[in-house]
């Protein structure tokens, strides 16, 4: 199975016609708070090492721990191992 980067996954979810990007939520390590969650609608740009939000905040890709689609886990980092959990038919 080919390993996809978080950037690849987010771009697929943004541009593939079978997905609605507004149904994506991203969980990330938010120091010192713990884990925070944002809706993909807050994303202005998907960069190579960061996602940039409309608010001006930049979230490093390595801090993303889970991507959900419509409330269900789509991808997650589990003890340092990345895994694709769900593939939507389309």
PDB file of N, CA and C in Angstrom:
ATOM      1  N   UNK A   1       0.849  -1.190   0.000  1.00  0.00           N
ATOM      2  CA  UNK A   1       0.000   0.000   0.000  1.00  0.00           C
ATOM      3  C   UNK A   1       0.887   1.243   0.000  1.00  0.00           C
ATOM      4  N   UNK A   2       0.608   2.160  -0.901  1.00  0.00           N
ATOM      5  CA  UNK A   2       1.383   3.389  -1.009  1.00  0.00           C
ATOM      6  C   UNK A   2       1.105   4.286   0.191  1.00  0.00           C
ATOM      7  N   UNK A   3       2.159   4.878   0.712  1.00  0.00           N
ATOM      8  CA  UNK A   3       2.023   5.800   1.836  1.00  0.00           C
ATOM      9  C   UNK A   3       1.804   7.210   1.282  1.00  0.00           C
ATOM     10  N   UNK A   4       0.733   7.830   1.687  1.00  0.00           N
ATOM     11  CA  UNK A   4       0.413   9.184   1.249  1.00  0.00           C
ATOM     12  C   UNK A   4       0.732  10.166   2.367  1.00  0.00           C
ATOM     13  N   UNK A   5       1.196  11.347   2.003  1.00  0.00           N
ATOM     14  CA  UNK A   5       1.458  12.376   2.995  1.00  0.00           C
ATOM     15  C   UNK A   5       0.128  12.995   3.440  1.00  0.00           C
ATOM     16  N   UNK A   6       0.179  13.671   4.557  1.00  0.00           N
ATOM     17  CA  UNK A   6      -1.012  14.380   5.037  1.00  0.00           C
ATOM     18  C   UNK A   6      -1.447  15.402   3.991  1.00  0.00           C
ATOM     19  N   UNK A   7      -0.486  16.043   3.374  1.00  0.00           N
ATOM     20  CA  UNK A   7      -0.794  17.012   2.313  1.00  0.00           C
ATOM     21  C   UNK A   7      -1.542  16.343   1.164  1.00  0.00           C
ATOM     22  N   UNK A   8      -1.084  15.154   0.737  1.00  0.00           N
ATOM     23  CA  UNK A   8      -1.768  14.406  -0.328  1.00  0.00           C
ATOM     24  C   UNK A   8      -3.213  14.093   0.067  1.00  0.00           C
ATOM     25  N   UNK A   9      -3.384  13.644   1.295  1.00  0.00           N
ATOM     26  CA  UNK A   9      -4.723  13.269   1.779  1.00  0.00           C
ATOM     27  C   UNK A   9      -5.637  14.491   1.805  1.00  0.00           C
ATOM     28  N   UNK A  10      -5.148  15.607   2.351  1.00  0.00           N
ATOM     29  CA  UNK A  10      -5.984  16.814   2.416  1.00  0.00           C
ATOM     30  C   UNK A  10      -6.321  17.340   1.020  1.00  0.00           C
ATOM     31  N   UNK A  11      -5.355  17.308   0.105  1.00  0.00           N
ATOM     32  CA  UNK A  11      -5.647  17.752  -1.261  1.00  0.00           C
ATOM     33  C   UNK A  11      -6.659  16.838  -1.945  1.00  0.00           C
ATOM     34  N   UNK A  12      -6.558  15.544  -1.717  1.00  0.00           N
ATOM     35  CA  UNK A  12      -7.546  14.621  -2.288  1.00  0.00           C
ATOM     36  C   UNK A  12      -8.940  14.965  -1.762  1.00  0.00           C
ATOM     37  N   UNK A  13      -9.041  15.145  -0.446  1.00  0.00           N
ATOM     38  CA  UNK A  13     -10.342  15.451   0.152  1.00  0.00           C
ATOM     39  C   UNK A  13     -10.879  16.806  -0.304  1.00  0.00           C
ATOM     40  N   UNK A  14      -9.990  17.722  -0.616  1.00  0.00           N
ATOM     41  CA  UNK A  14     -10.415  19.056  -1.064  1.00  0.00           C
ATOM     42  C   UNK A  14     -10.873  19.048  -2.523  1.00  0.00           C
ATOM     43  N   UNK A  15     -10.165  18.338  -3.392  1.00  0.00           N
ATOM     44  CA  UNK A  15     -10.408  18.451  -4.826  1.00  0.00           C
ATOM     45  C   UNK A  15     -11.188  17.296  -5.452  1.00  0.00           C
ATOM     46  N   UNK A  16     -11.271  16.149  -4.797  1.00  0.00           N
ATOM     47  CA  UNK A  16     -11.994  15.010  -5.387  1.00  0.00           C
ATOM     48  C   UNK A  16     -13.496  15.285  -5.328  1.00  0.00           C
ATOM     49  N   UNK A  17     -14.209  15.090  -6.434  1.00  0.00           N
ATOM     50  CA  UNK A  17     -15.636  15.415  -6.471  1.00  0.00           C
ATOM     51  C   UNK A  17     -16.516  14.564  -5.549  1.00  0.00           C
ATOM     52  N   UNK A  18     -16.008  13.444  -5.064  1.00  0.00           N
ATOM     53  CA  UNK A  18     -16.808  12.592  -4.175  1.00  0.00           C
ATOM     54  C   UNK A  18     -16.808  13.078  -2.725  1.00  0.00           C
ATOM     55  N   UNK A  19     -15.988  14.072  -2.419  1.00  0.00           N
ATOM     56  CA  UNK A  19     -15.871  14.551  -1.040  1.00  0.00           C
ATOM     57  C   UNK A  19     -16.336  15.995  -0.924  1.00  0.00           C
ATOM     58  N   UNK A  20     -16.841  16.318   0.257  1.00  0.00           N
ATOM     59  CA  UNK A  20     -17.227  17.686   0.595  1.00  0.00           C
ATOM     60  C   UNK A  20     -16.239  18.170   1.654  1.00  0.00           C
ATOM     61  N   UNK A  21     -15.372  19.102   1.279  1.00  0.00           N
ATOM     62  CA  UNK A  21     -14.295  19.552   2.166  1.00  0.00           C
ATOM     63  C   UNK A  21     -14.829  20.134   3.468  1.00  0.00           C
ATOM     64  N   UNK A  22     -16.028  20.658   3.462  1.00  0.00           N
ATOM     65  CA  UNK A  22     -16.619  21.230   4.677  1.00  0.00           C
ATOM     66  C   UNK A  22     -16.943  20.152   5.719  1.00  0.00           C
ATOM     67  N   UNK A  23     -16.960  18.888   5.304  1.00  0.00           N
ATOM     68  CA  UNK A  23     -17.244  17.782   6.229  1.00  0.00           C
ATOM     69  C   UNK A  23     -15.974  17.230   6.875  1.00  0.00           C
ATOM     70  N   UNK A  24     -14.836  17.875   6.603  1.00  0.00           N
ATOM     71  CA  UNK A  24     -13.555  17.429   7.135  1.00  0.00           C
ATOM     72  C   UNK A  24     -13.258  18.180   8.431  1.00  0.00           C
ATOM     73  N   UNK A  25     -12.799  17.435   9.436  1.00  0.00           N
ATOM     74  CA  UNK A  25     -12.254  18.070  10.636  1.00  0.00           C
ATOM     75  C   UNK A  25     -10.874  17.485  10.886  1.00  0.00           C
ATOM     76  N   UNK A  26     -10.021  18.303  11.449  1.00  0.00           N
ATOM     77  CA  UNK A  26      -8.623  17.952  11.654  1.00  0.00           C
ATOM     78  C   UNK A  26      -8.292  18.125  13.129  1.00  0.00           C
ATOM     79  N   UNK A  27      -7.745  17.078  13.719  1.00  0.00           N
ATOM     80  CA  UNK A  27      -7.296  17.125  15.101  1.00  0.00           C
ATOM     81  C   UNK A  27      -5.777  17.244  15.097  1.00  0.00           C
ATOM     82  N   UNK A  28      -5.260  18.135  15.937  1.00  0.00           N
ATOM     83  CA  UNK A  28      -3.819  18.373  15.966  1.00  0.00           C
ATOM     84  C   UNK A  28      -3.349  18.684  17.375  1.00  0.00           C
ATOM     85  N   UNK A  29      -2.070  18.424  17.611  1.00  0.00           N
ATOM     86  CA  UNK A  29      -1.462  18.735  18.902  1.00  0.00           C
ATOM     87  C   UNK A  29      -1.318  20.245  18.986  1.00  0.00           C
ATOM     88  N   UNK A  30      -1.964  20.822  20.001  1.00  0.00           N
ATOM     89  CA  UNK A  30      -2.009  22.271  20.195  1.00  0.00           C
ATOM     90  C   UNK A  30      -1.370  22.580  21.544  1.00  0.00           C
ATOM     91  N   UNK A  31      -0.060  22.813  21.517  1.00  0.00           N
ATOM     92  CA  UNK A  31       0.659  23.035  22.778  1.00  0.00           C
ATOM     93  C   UNK A  31       0.355  24.405  23.345  1.00  0.00           C
ATOM     94  N   UNK A  32       0.150  24.571  24.616  1.00  0.00           N
ATOM     95  CA  UNK A  32       0.161  23.574  25.688  1.00  0.00           C
ATOM     96  C   UNK A  32      -1.218  23.008  25.979  1.00  0.00           C
ATOM     97  N   UNK A  33      -2.214  23.295  25.159  1.00  0.00           N
ATOM     98  CA  UNK A  33      -3.602  22.899  25.414  1.00  0.00           C
ATOM     99  C   UNK A  33      -3.796  21.390  25.398  1.00  0.00           C
ATOM    100  N   UNK A  34      -3.197  20.725  24.434  1.00  0.00           N
ATOM    101  CA  UNK A  34      -3.420  19.285  24.236  1.00  0.00           C
ATOM    102  C   UNK A  34      -3.754  19.049  22.779  1.00  0.00           C
ATOM    103  N   UNK A  35      -4.951  18.524  22.523  1.00  0.00           N
ATOM    104  CA  UNK A  35      -5.401  18.287  21.152  1.00  0.00           C
ATOM    105  C   UNK A  35      -6.560  19.227  20.846  1.00  0.00           C
ATOM    106  N   UNK A  36      -6.479  19.930  19.720  1.00  0.00           N
ATOM    107  CA  UNK A  36      -7.554  20.821  19.277  1.00  0.00           C
ATOM    108  C   UNK A  36      -8.096  20.318  17.946  1.00  0.00           C
ATOM    109  N   UNK A  37      -9.281  20.804  17.597  1.00  0.00           N
ATOM    110  CA  UNK A  37      -9.938  20.384  16.353  1.00  0.00           C
ATOM    111  C   UNK A  37     -10.384  21.614  15.574  1.00  0.00           C
ATOM    112  N   UNK A  38     -10.163  21.563  14.261  1.00  0.00           N
ATOM    113  CA  UNK A  38     -10.634  22.633  13.380  1.00  0.00           C
ATOM    114  C   UNK A  38     -11.442  22.014  12.247  1.00  0.00           C
ATOM    115  N   UNK A  39     -12.296  22.820  11.642  1.00  0.00           N
ATOM    116  CA  UNK A  39     -13.005  22.406  10.436  1.00  0.00           C
ATOM    117  C   UNK A  39     -12.154  22.799   9.240  1.00  0.00           C
ATOM    118  N   UNK A  40     -12.149  21.971   8.207  1.00  0.00           N
ATOM    119  CA  UNK A  40     -11.334  22.253   7.022  1.00  0.00           C
ATOM    120  C   UNK A  40     -11.723  23.561   6.348  1.00  0.00           C
ATOM    121  N   UNK A  41     -12.931  24.037   6.584  1.00  0.00           N
ATOM    122  CA  UNK A  41     -13.352  25.314   6.032  1.00  0.00           C
ATOM    123  C   UNK A  41     -12.513  26.482   6.536  1.00  0.00           C
ATOM    124  N   UNK A  42     -11.787  26.264   7.633  1.00  0.00           N
ATOM    125  CA  UNK A  42     -10.911  27.301   8.184  1.00  0.00           C
ATOM    126  C   UNK A  42      -9.576  27.379   7.450  1.00  0.00           C
ATOM    127  N   UNK A  43      -9.298  26.384   6.572  1.00  0.00           N
ATOM    128  CA  UNK A  43      -8.007  26.319   5.887  1.00  0.00           C
ATOM    129  C   UNK A  43      -7.982  27.264   4.689  1.00  0.00           C
ATOM    130  N   UNK A  44      -6.967  28.108   4.663  1.00  0.00           N
ATOM    131  CA  UNK A  44      -6.756  28.999   3.519  1.00  0.00           C
ATOM    132  C   UNK A  44      -5.847  28.337   2.492  1.00  0.00           C
ATOM    133  N   UNK A  45      -4.800  27.638   2.972  1.00  0.00           N
ATOM    134  CA  UNK A  45      -3.832  27.026   2.063  1.00  0.00           C
ATOM    135  C   UNK A  45      -3.269  25.745   2.676  1.00  0.00           C
ATOM    136  N   UNK A  46      -3.096  24.738   1.830  1.00  0.00           N
ATOM    137  CA  UNK A  46      -2.436  23.502   2.238  1.00  0.00           C
ATOM    138  C   UNK A  46      -1.017  23.567   1.694  1.00  0.00           C
ATOM    139  N   UNK A  47      -0.071  23.869   2.570  1.00  0.00           N
ATOM    140  CA  UNK A  47       1.316  23.982   2.147  1.00  0.00           C
ATOM    141  C   UNK A  47       2.038  22.648   2.211  1.00  0.00           C
ATOM    142  N   UNK A  48       3.349  22.685   2.038  1.00  0.00           N
ATOM    143  CA  UNK A  48       4.133  21.457   2.084  1.00  0.00           C
ATOM    144  C   UNK A  48       4.371  20.983   3.509  1.00  0.00           C
ATOM    145  N   UNK A  49       4.603  21.918   4.426  1.00  0.00           N
ATOM    146  CA  UNK A  49       4.894  21.543   5.808  1.00  0.00           C
ATOM    147  C   UNK A  49       3.893  22.098   6.812  1.00  0.00           C
ATOM    148  N   UNK A  50       3.006  22.975   6.348  1.00  0.00           N
ATOM    149  CA  UNK A  50       2.028  23.607   7.233  1.00  0.00           C
ATOM    150  C   UNK A  50       0.681  23.689   6.529  1.00  0.00           C
ATOM    151  N   UNK A  51      -0.393  23.746   7.343  1.00  0.00           N
ATOM    152  CA  UNK A  51      -1.673  24.205   6.797  1.00  0.00           C
ATOM    153  C   UNK A  51      -1.875  25.597   7.379  1.00  0.00           C
ATOM    154  N   UNK A  52      -2.286  26.499   6.537  1.00  0.00           N
ATOM    155  CA  UNK A  52      -2.463  27.897   6.914  1.00  0.00           C
ATOM    156  C   UNK A  52      -3.948  28.199   7.011  1.00  0.00           C
ATOM    157  N   UNK A  53      -4.340  28.759   8.141  1.00  0.00           N
ATOM    158  CA  UNK A  53      -5.746  29.076   8.382  1.00  0.00           C
ATOM    159  C   UNK A  53      -6.037  30.523   8.001  1.00  0.00           C
ATOM    160  N   UNK A  54      -7.312  30.812   7.734  1.00  0.00           N
ATOM    161  CA  UNK A  54      -7.734  32.181   7.408  1.00  0.00           C
ATOM    162  C   UNK A  54      -7.382  33.156   8.533  1.00  0.00           C
ATOM    163  N   UNK A  55      -7.317  32.637   9.773  1.00  0.00           N
ATOM    164  CA  UNK A  55      -7.006  33.482  10.934  1.00  0.00           C
ATOM    165  C   UNK A  55      -5.536  33.890  10.994  1.00  0.00           C
ATOM    166  N   UNK A  56      -4.697  33.306  10.121  1.00  0.00           N
ATOM    167  CA  UNK A  56      -3.271  33.611  10.135  1.00  0.00           C
ATOM    168  C   UNK A  56      -2.444  32.568  10.870  1.00  0.00           C
ATOM    169  N   UNK A  57      -3.092  31.631  11.535  1.00  0.00           N
ATOM    170  CA  UNK A  57      -2.395  30.568  12.255  1.00  0.00           C
ATOM    171  C   UNK A  57      -1.839  29.557  11.254  1.00  0.00           C
ATOM    172  N   UNK A  58      -0.636  29.049  11.514  1.00  0.00           N
ATOM    173  CA  UNK A  58      -0.026  27.995  10.701  1.00  0.00           C
ATOM    174  C   UNK A  58       0.123  26.753  11.583  1.00  0.00           C
ATOM    175  N   UNK A  59      -0.412  25.637  11.129  1.00  0.00           N
ATOM    176  CA  UNK A  59      -0.333  24.382  11.884  1.00  0.00           C
ATOM    177  C   UNK A  59       0.650  23.462  11.162  1.00  0.00           C
ATOM    178  N   UNK A  60       1.717  23.046  11.856  1.00  0.00           N
ATOM    179  CA  UNK A  60       2.669  22.128  11.227  1.00  0.00           C
ATOM    180  C   UNK A  60       2.011  20.774  10.926  1.00  0.00           C
ATOM    181  N   UNK A  61       2.300  20.228   9.763  1.00  0.00           N
ATOM    182  CA  UNK A  61       1.728  18.934   9.362  1.00  0.00           C
ATOM    183  C   UNK A  61       2.044  17.829  10.367  1.00  0.00           C
ATOM    184  N   UNK A  62       3.260  17.878  10.960  1.00  0.00           N
ATOM    185  CA  UNK A  62       3.640  16.800  11.877  1.00  0.00           C
ATOM    186  C   UNK A  62       2.824  16.804  13.172  1.00  0.00           C
ATOM    187  N   UNK A  63       2.082  17.871  13.420  1.00  0.00           N
ATOM    188  CA  UNK A  63       1.237  17.921  14.617  1.00  0.00           C
ATOM    189  C   UNK A  63      -0.174  17.377  14.366  1.00  0.00           C
ATOM    190  N   UNK A  64      -0.508  17.123  13.114  1.00  0.00           N
ATOM    191  CA  UNK A  64      -1.833  16.564  12.811  1.00  0.00           C
ATOM    192  C   UNK A  64      -1.848  15.101  13.235  1.00  0.00           C
ATOM    193  N   UNK A  65      -2.853  14.735  14.045  1.00  0.00           N
ATOM    194  CA  UNK A  65      -2.938  13.365  14.556  1.00  0.00           C
ATOM    195  C   UNK A  65      -4.132  12.601  14.004  1.00  0.00           C
ATOM    196  N   UNK A  66      -5.127  13.320  13.472  1.00  0.00           N
ATOM    197  CA  UNK A  66      -6.303  12.626  12.937  1.00  0.00           C
ATOM    198  C   UNK A  66      -7.049  13.526  11.960  1.00  0.00           C
ATOM    199  N   UNK A  67      -7.595  12.892  10.923  1.00  0.00           N
ATOM    200  CA  UNK A  67      -8.456  13.574   9.963  1.00  0.00           C
ATOM    201  C   UNK A  67      -9.773  12.814   9.947  1.00  0.00           C
ATOM    202  N   UNK A  68     -10.862  13.546  10.141  1.00  0.00           N
ATOM    203  CA  UNK A  68     -12.197  12.929  10.137  1.00  0.00           C
ATOM    204  C   UNK A  68     -12.977  13.416   8.925  1.00  0.00           C
ATOM    205  N   UNK A  69     -13.787  12.529   8.387  1.00  0.00           N
ATOM    206  CA  UNK A  69     -14.709  12.906   7.314  1.00  0.00           C
ATOM    207  C   UNK A  69     -16.118  12.593   7.791  1.00  0.00           C
ATOM    208  N   UNK A  70     -16.951  13.606   7.856  1.00  0.00           N
ATOM    209  CA  UNK A  70     -18.338  13.453   8.290  1.00  0.00           C
ATOM    210  C   UNK A  70     -18.421  12.758   9.660  1.00  0.00           C
ATOM    211  N   UNK A  71     -17.494  13.130  10.536  1.00  0.00           N
ATOM    212  CA  UNK A  71     -17.506  12.616  11.906  1.00  0.00           C
ATOM    213  C   UNK A  71     -16.813  11.276  12.106  1.00  0.00           C
ATOM    214  N   UNK A  72     -16.404  10.610  11.025  1.00  0.00           N
ATOM    215  CA  UNK A  72     -15.747   9.304  11.138  1.00  0.00           C
ATOM    216  C   UNK A  72     -14.260   9.450  10.829  1.00  0.00           C
ATOM    217  N   UNK A  73     -13.449   8.693  11.543  1.00  0.00           N
ATOM    218  CA  UNK A  73     -12.010   8.752  11.327  1.00  0.00           C
ATOM    219  C   UNK A  73     -11.674   8.287   9.916  1.00  0.00           C
ATOM    220  N   UNK A  74     -10.989   9.148   9.170  1.00  0.00           N
ATOM    221  CA  UNK A  74     -10.550   8.835   7.811  1.00  0.00           C
ATOM    222  C   UNK A  74      -9.079   8.426   7.815  1.00  0.00           C
ATOM    223  N   UNK A  75      -8.281   9.131   8.617  1.00  0.00           N
ATOM    224  CA  UNK A  75      -6.842   8.871   8.740  1.00  0.00           C
ATOM    225  C   UNK A  75      -6.427   9.219  10.154  1.00  0.00           C
ATOM    226  N   UNK A  76      -5.457   8.464  10.703  1.00  0.00           N
ATOM    227  CA  UNK A  76      -4.933   8.833  12.017  1.00  0.00           C
ATOM    228  C   UNK A  76      -3.498   8.358  12.174  1.00  0.00           C
ATOM    229  N   UNK A  77      -2.806   9.059  13.036  1.00  0.00           N
ATOM    230  CA  UNK A  77      -1.446   8.683  13.421  1.00  0.00           C
ATOM    231  C   UNK A  77      -1.604   7.903  14.718  1.00  0.00           C
ATOM    232  N   UNK A  78      -1.129   6.680  14.727  1.00  0.00           N
ATOM    233  CA  UNK A  78      -1.292   5.811  15.890  1.00  0.00           C
ATOM    234  C   UNK A  78       0.086   5.397  16.386  1.00  0.00           C
ATOM    235  N   UNK A  79       0.519   5.966  17.501  1.00  0.00           N
ATOM    236  CA  UNK A  79       1.847   5.686  18.058  1.00  0.00           C
ATOM    237  C   UNK A  79       2.950   5.888  17.024  1.00  0.00           C
ATOM    238  N   UNK A  80       2.842   6.971  16.267  1.00  0.00           N
ATOM    239  CA  UNK A  80       3.855   7.298  15.276  1.00  0.00           C
ATOM    240  C   UNK A  80       3.664   6.618  13.936  1.00  0.00           C
ATOM    241  N   UNK A  81       2.697   5.703  13.835  1.00  0.00           N
ATOM    242  CA  UNK A  81       2.435   5.002  12.580  1.00  0.00           C
ATOM    243  C   UNK A  81       1.202   5.607  11.943  1.00  0.00           C
ATOM    244  N   UNK A  82       1.331   6.001  10.674  1.00  0.00           N
ATOM    245  CA  UNK A  82       0.202   6.598   9.971  1.00  0.00           C
ATOM    246  C   UNK A  82      -0.630   5.497   9.341  1.00  0.00           C
ATOM    247  N   UNK A  83      -1.945   5.621   9.430  1.00  0.00           N
ATOM    248  CA  UNK A  83      -2.814   4.622   8.837  1.00  0.00           C
ATOM    249  C   UNK A  83      -4.045   5.267   8.211  1.00  0.00           C
ATOM    250  N   UNK A  84      -4.392   4.774   7.034  1.00  0.00           N
ATOM    251  CA  UNK A  84      -5.631   5.197   6.390  1.00  0.00           C
ATOM    252  C   UNK A  84      -6.699   4.288   6.957  1.00  0.00           C
ATOM    253  N   UNK A  85      -7.721   4.852   7.543  1.00  0.00           N
ATOM    254  CA  UNK A  85      -8.737   4.061   8.224  1.00  0.00           C
ATOM    255  C   UNK A  85      -9.898   3.750   7.323  1.00  0.00           C
ATOM    256  N   UNK A  86     -10.372   4.755   6.604  1.00  0.00           N
ATOM    257  CA  UNK A  86     -11.591   4.578   5.815  1.00  0.00           C
ATOM    258  C   UNK A  86     -11.397   5.155   4.414  1.00  0.00           C
ATOM    259  N   UNK A  87     -11.874   4.440   3.425  1.00  0.00           N
ATOM    260  CA  UNK A  87     -11.869   4.942   2.043  1.00  0.00           C
ATOM    261  C   UNK A  87     -13.317   5.038   1.596  1.00  0.00           C
ATOM    262  N   UNK A  88     -13.738   6.228   1.237  1.00  0.00           N
ATOM    263  CA  UNK A  88     -15.117   6.449   0.782  1.00  0.00           C
ATOM    264  C   UNK A  88     -15.282   5.915  -0.640  1.00  0.00           C
ATOM    265  N   UNK A  89     -16.359   5.203  -0.868  1.00  0.00           N
ATOM    266  CA  UNK A  89     -16.659   4.746  -2.227  1.00  0.00           C
ATOM    267  C   UNK A  89     -17.029   5.943  -3.077  1.00  0.00           C
ATOM    268  N   UNK A  90     -16.617   5.940  -4.302  1.00  0.00           N
ATOM    269  CA  UNK A  90     -16.986   7.088  -5.104  1.00  0.00           C
ATOM    270  C   UNK A  90     -16.453   6.986  -6.412  1.00  0.00           C
TER     271      UNK A  90
END
